[in-house]
Amino acid sequence: MSQLRYWVWLASVDGVRPITLCRIAEHFGGPMEAYFALEERLDEIDGITPQERKLLADRNLERTERILAVCQQKGIRILTLNDASYPDRLRQIADPPLVLYVRGNLPFLDELPAIAMVGTRKASAYGILVATRLAQEITAYGGCIVTGMAHGVDGAAARGALLADGPCVGVLGTAIDVNYPAANAPLIDDVALTGAIISEFPPLYPTKPENFPRRNRIISGLSCGVCVVEAPVRSGALITAN
């Protein structure tokens, strides 16, 4: 628990870019070493901004302890970048999350043909049908659907995976204990029962619009490929595919 405390502290510093967090952990040899390093040593980190330096100077662990308590109370598992259970595919991207919060049982994605299924929230009836059917067939043939749990294509893909009685992984752009969108709360809970819901954002983390594009790198990083079912030219789905 002592090491985990510092992983959670570093990963949950709000306002610091994931790439900066990765550089800090690597430079100092781990979050605990970064926590106890002199504040002026933060200047050794390539590309760190003055605002990030200021935020990282706060070494108060009160919020960290509250996050850990909520995770224990709600049965939320915490995976750090150094854990053997942390998906290796995701570990290979340029800015992997230092910490993943997990509800349910995360499949061994490195051993599965995981396919990200993404698309517009305002999907047509045909798009919903196609997303559901594709996800069901991919899952039935041994694949694993990774999706963002939003309205439209995301939700349809998750439902298709559940119809095939296979695991599905939903990636939230909110705190791990916030079911968003609220209308998909029953679906999110069902995915957590048969597979896993994951987020890089801990309990107590505020919901922000910019966090949703940020989670796209996790969706693609977990997957062997991305299936765009239906999406406009300028969309988060195409950002994920890229």
Protein backbone atom coordinates (compact mmCIF):
# COMPACT_ATOMS: atom_id res chain seq x y z
CA MET A 1 0.00 0.00 0.00
CA SER A 2 2.88 2.39 0.73
CA GLN A 3 4.12 2.31 -2.87
CA LEU A 4 0.57 2.44 -4.26
CA ARG A 5 -0.11 5.63 -2.33
CA TYR A 6 2.53 7.49 -4.33
CA TRP A 7 1.39 6.07 -7.67
CA VAL A 8 -2.10 7.40 -6.94
CA TRP A 9 -0.71 10.75 -5.76
CA LEU A 10 1.30 11.34 -8.93
CA ALA A 11 -1.33 10.01 -11.36
CA SER A 12 -4.09 12.15 -9.87
CA VAL A 13 -2.36 15.54 -9.94
CA ASP A 14 -5.02 17.42 -11.89
CA GLY A 15 -3.75 19.63 -14.70
CA VAL A 16 -0.52 17.75 -15.47
CA ARG A 17 -0.26 16.08 -18.89
CA PRO A 18 0.10 12.27 -18.99
CA ILE A 19 3.37 12.60 -20.92
CA THR A 20 4.80 14.77 -18.12
CA LEU A 21 3.70 12.25 -15.48
CA CYS A 22 5.44 9.46 -17.40
CA ARG A 23 8.64 11.49 -17.69
CA ILE A 24 8.62 12.22 -13.96
CA ALA A 25 8.15 8.56 -12.99
CA GLU A 26 10.91 7.49 -15.38
CA HIS A 27 13.33 10.27 -14.42
CA PHE A 28 13.14 9.68 -10.68
CA GLY A 29 12.77 5.89 -10.84
CA GLY A 30 9.19 5.81 -9.58
CA PRO A 31 6.44 7.95 -8.03
CA MET A 32 7.66 7.47 -4.45
CA GLU A 33 11.13 8.70 -5.41
CA ALA A 34 9.52 11.65 -7.22
CA TYR A 35 7.44 12.48 -4.14
CA PHE A 36 10.50 12.70 -1.88
CA ALA A 37 12.70 14.49 -4.43
CA LEU A 38 13.48 18.15 -3.83
CA GLU A 39 11.00 20.45 -5.53
CA GLU A 40 13.69 22.22 -7.56
CA ARG A 41 14.59 18.90 -9.19
CA LEU A 42 11.33 19.09 -11.16
CA ASP A 43 13.19 21.49 -13.45
CA GLU A 44 15.17 18.48 -14.68
CA ILE A 45 12.05 17.17 -16.47
CA ASP A 46 11.98 17.88 -20.20
CA GLY A 47 9.07 20.03 -21.30
CA ILE A 48 7.53 20.62 -17.89
CA THR A 49 5.54 23.85 -17.76
CA PRO A 50 5.60 26.35 -14.87
CA GLN A 51 1.97 25.50 -14.10
CA GLU A 52 2.72 21.77 -13.97
CA ARG A 53 5.70 22.42 -11.70
CA LYS A 54 3.47 24.42 -9.35
CA LEU A 55 0.83 21.69 -9.22
CA LEU A 56 3.43 18.98 -8.55
CA ALA A 57 4.89 20.97 -5.67
CA ASP A 58 1.81 20.12 -3.60
CA ARG A 59 2.75 16.99 -1.63
CA ASN A 60 -0.41 16.81 0.49
CA LEU A 61 -1.64 13.19 0.54
CA GLU A 62 -5.07 13.85 2.06
CA ARG A 63 -6.89 13.54 -1.29
CA THR A 64 -4.85 10.46 -2.15
CA GLU A 65 -5.92 8.77 1.08
CA ARG A 66 -9.57 9.58 0.31
CA ILE A 67 -9.22 8.07 -3.17
CA LEU A 68 -7.71 4.89 -1.71
CA ALA A 69 -10.49 4.66 0.88
CA VAL A 70 -13.24 5.02 -1.75
CA CYS A 71 -11.58 2.40 -3.96
CA GLN A 72 -11.43 -0.05 -1.07
CA GLN A 73 -15.02 0.67 -0.11
CA LYS A 74 -16.35 0.21 -3.66
CA GLY A 75 -14.15 -2.72 -4.67
CA ILE A 76 -12.27 -0.72 -7.30
CA ARG A 77 -8.97 -2.31 -8.30
CA ILE A 78 -5.92 -0.13 -8.92
CA LEU A 79 -3.32 -1.18 -11.50
CA THR A 80 -0.05 0.70 -11.78
CA LEU A 81 2.17 0.89 -14.83
CA ASN A 82 4.58 -1.55 -13.14
CA ASP A 83 1.97 -4.21 -12.36
CA ALA A 84 2.12 -7.47 -14.30
CA SER A 85 -1.65 -7.23 -14.91
CA TYR A 86 -1.33 -3.83 -16.61
CA PRO A 87 -1.97 -4.41 -20.35
CA ASP A 88 1.36 -4.44 -22.16
CA ARG A 89 -0.14 -3.03 -25.35
CA LEU A 90 -1.20 0.06 -23.48
CA ARG A 91 2.17 0.28 -21.75
CA GLN A 92 3.84 0.72 -25.15
CA ILE A 93 2.12 3.99 -26.14
CA ALA A 94 3.92 7.31 -25.71
CA ASP A 95 1.89 8.47 -22.72
CA PRO A 96 0.26 5.51 -20.94
CA PRO A 97 -1.77 6.21 -17.79
CA LEU A 98 0.38 5.71 -14.70
CA VAL A 99 -2.65 4.16 -13.00
CA LEU A 100 -5.75 2.35 -14.22
CA TYR A 101 -8.82 2.05 -12.03
CA VAL A 102 -10.81 -1.11 -12.72
CA ARG A 103 -14.35 -2.23 -11.94
CA GLY A 104 -14.95 -5.88 -12.72
CA ASN A 105 -12.42 -8.36 -14.10
CA LEU A 106 -10.12 -7.01 -16.79
CA PRO A 107 -9.51 -9.72 -19.43
CA PHE A 108 -5.94 -10.56 -20.43
CA LEU A 109 -6.14 -8.23 -23.39
CA ASP A 110 -2.59 -8.92 -24.56
CA GLU A 111 -3.69 -12.49 -25.35
CA LEU A 112 -6.93 -11.48 -27.09
CA PRO A 113 -7.73 -9.93 -30.48
CA ALA A 114 -9.14 -6.81 -28.88
CA ILE A 115 -11.00 -4.55 -31.31
CA ALA A 116 -11.95 -0.97 -30.48
CA MET A 117 -15.39 -0.13 -31.81
CA VAL A 118 -16.14 3.58 -32.03
CA GLY A 119 -18.46 5.99 -33.77
CA THR A 120 -20.87 8.87 -33.46
CA ARG A 121 -23.17 9.42 -30.51
CA LYS A 122 -25.89 10.39 -33.02
CA ALA A 123 -25.83 7.11 -34.88
CA SER A 124 -28.49 6.20 -37.43
CA ALA A 125 -30.70 3.16 -36.92
CA TYR A 126 -28.53 1.37 -39.49
CA GLY A 127 -25.36 2.34 -37.61
CA ILE A 128 -26.77 0.98 -34.35
CA LEU A 129 -27.73 -2.28 -36.09
CA VAL A 130 -24.30 -2.68 -37.68
CA ALA A 131 -22.41 -1.87 -34.46
CA THR A 132 -24.48 -4.35 -32.49
CA ARG A 133 -24.10 -7.13 -35.04
CA LEU A 134 -20.37 -6.60 -35.62
CA ALA A 135 -19.63 -6.56 -31.90
CA GLN A 136 -21.71 -9.67 -31.33
CA GLU A 137 -19.95 -11.59 -34.11
CA ILE A 138 -16.44 -10.42 -33.13
CA THR A 139 -17.10 -11.49 -29.55
CA ALA A 140 -18.65 -14.82 -30.59
CA TYR A 141 -15.50 -15.65 -32.56
CA GLY A 142 -13.21 -14.98 -29.59
CA GLY A 143 -12.53 -11.27 -29.89
CA CYS A 144 -12.95 -8.65 -27.20
CA ILE A 145 -14.70 -5.34 -27.80
CA VAL A 146 -13.18 -2.17 -26.34
CA THR A 147 -15.43 0.87 -26.44
CA GLY A 148 -16.08 4.23 -24.80
CA MET A 149 -19.57 3.55 -23.38
CA ALA A 150 -21.08 6.72 -24.89
CA HIS A 151 -24.50 6.94 -26.55
CA GLY A 152 -24.85 5.67 -30.10
CA VAL A 153 -22.23 3.36 -31.58
CA ASP A 154 -20.35 2.81 -28.29
CA GLY A 155 -23.41 1.62 -26.42
CA ALA A 156 -24.54 -0.55 -29.33
CA ALA A 157 -21.11 -2.22 -29.47
CA ALA A 158 -21.22 -2.98 -25.76
CA ARG A 159 -24.72 -4.46 -26.09
CA GLY A 160 -23.58 -6.63 -28.99
CA ALA A 161 -20.70 -8.01 -26.96
CA LEU A 162 -23.04 -8.79 -24.08
CA LEU A 163 -25.43 -10.59 -26.45
CA ALA A 164 -22.57 -12.93 -27.31
CA ASP A 165 -21.92 -13.62 -23.61
CA GLY A 166 -18.34 -12.45 -23.96
CA PRO A 167 -16.19 -9.96 -22.08
CA CYS A 168 -16.25 -6.32 -23.06
CA VAL A 169 -14.04 -3.49 -21.83
CA GLY A 170 -15.56 -0.05 -21.40
CA VAL A 171 -13.25 2.95 -21.07
CA LEU A 172 -14.71 5.93 -19.23
CA GLY A 173 -13.79 9.57 -19.69
CA THR A 174 -15.02 10.27 -16.16
CA ALA A 175 -14.08 9.15 -12.68
CA ILE A 176 -14.20 5.38 -12.38
CA ASP A 177 -17.21 5.51 -10.02
CA VAL A 178 -19.27 7.84 -12.24
CA ASN A 179 -21.57 6.14 -14.75
CA TYR A 180 -21.63 8.54 -17.68
CA PRO A 181 -23.82 9.07 -19.56
CA ALA A 182 -26.36 8.40 -16.83
CA ALA A 183 -28.78 6.81 -19.31
CA ASN A 184 -26.18 4.10 -19.94
CA ALA A 185 -25.70 3.34 -16.22
CA PRO A 186 -27.39 -0.11 -16.39
CA LEU A 187 -25.31 -1.01 -19.44
CA ILE A 188 -22.09 0.15 -17.77
CA ASP A 189 -22.91 -1.96 -14.71
CA ASP A 190 -23.60 -4.99 -16.94
CA VAL A 191 -20.24 -4.58 -18.69
CA ALA A 192 -18.52 -4.43 -15.28
CA LEU A 193 -20.22 -7.71 -14.32
CA THR A 194 -19.09 -9.64 -17.40
CA GLY A 195 -15.87 -7.83 -18.26
CA ALA A 196 -14.45 -4.56 -16.98
CA ILE A 197 -14.98 -0.82 -16.80
CA ILE A 198 -11.72 1.12 -16.61
CA SER A 199 -10.65 4.74 -16.27
CA GLU A 200 -7.47 6.67 -15.61
CA PHE A 201 -9.54 9.06 -13.47
CA PRO A 202 -9.96 8.15 -9.79
CA PRO A 203 -13.01 8.54 -7.60
CA LEU A 204 -13.64 12.19 -6.64
CA TYR A 205 -12.21 13.39 -9.98
CA PRO A 206 -14.29 16.15 -11.65
CA THR A 207 -15.97 15.51 -15.00
CA LYS A 208 -14.45 17.70 -17.73
CA PRO A 209 -15.14 17.80 -21.49
CA GLU A 210 -11.42 17.57 -22.34
CA ASN A 211 -11.13 14.21 -20.57
CA PHE A 212 -13.17 12.43 -23.24
CA PRO A 213 -10.73 12.96 -26.14
CA ARG A 214 -7.93 12.09 -23.72
CA ARG A 215 -9.39 8.64 -23.06
CA ASN A 216 -9.26 7.85 -26.81
CA ARG A 217 -5.56 6.98 -26.54
CA ILE A 218 -6.48 4.28 -23.99
CA ILE A 219 -9.16 2.80 -26.24
CA SER A 220 -6.73 2.55 -29.16
CA GLY A 221 -3.80 1.54 -26.96
CA LEU A 222 -5.63 -1.50 -25.63
CA SER A 223 -6.63 -2.70 -29.08
CA CYS A 224 -5.18 -4.53 -32.07
CA GLY A 225 -7.31 -2.42 -34.40
CA VAL A 226 -10.08 0.15 -34.51
CA CYS A 227 -13.43 -0.28 -36.25
CA VAL A 228 -15.15 3.01 -37.06
CA VAL A 229 -18.80 2.12 -37.63
CA GLU A 230 -20.26 5.53 -38.44
CA ALA A 231 -18.76 8.95 -37.79
CA PRO A 232 -18.51 12.47 -39.22
CA VAL A 233 -15.22 13.67 -40.71
CA ARG A 234 -14.36 15.70 -37.61
CA SER A 235 -14.94 13.35 -34.71
CA GLY A 236 -13.33 11.66 -31.73
CA ALA A 237 -13.87 8.32 -33.47
CA LEU A 238 -11.49 9.26 -36.28
CA ILE A 239 -9.00 10.66 -33.76
CA THR A 240 -9.06 7.26 -32.08
CA ALA A 241 -8.51 5.49 -35.40
CA ASN A 242 -5.59 7.78 -36.24
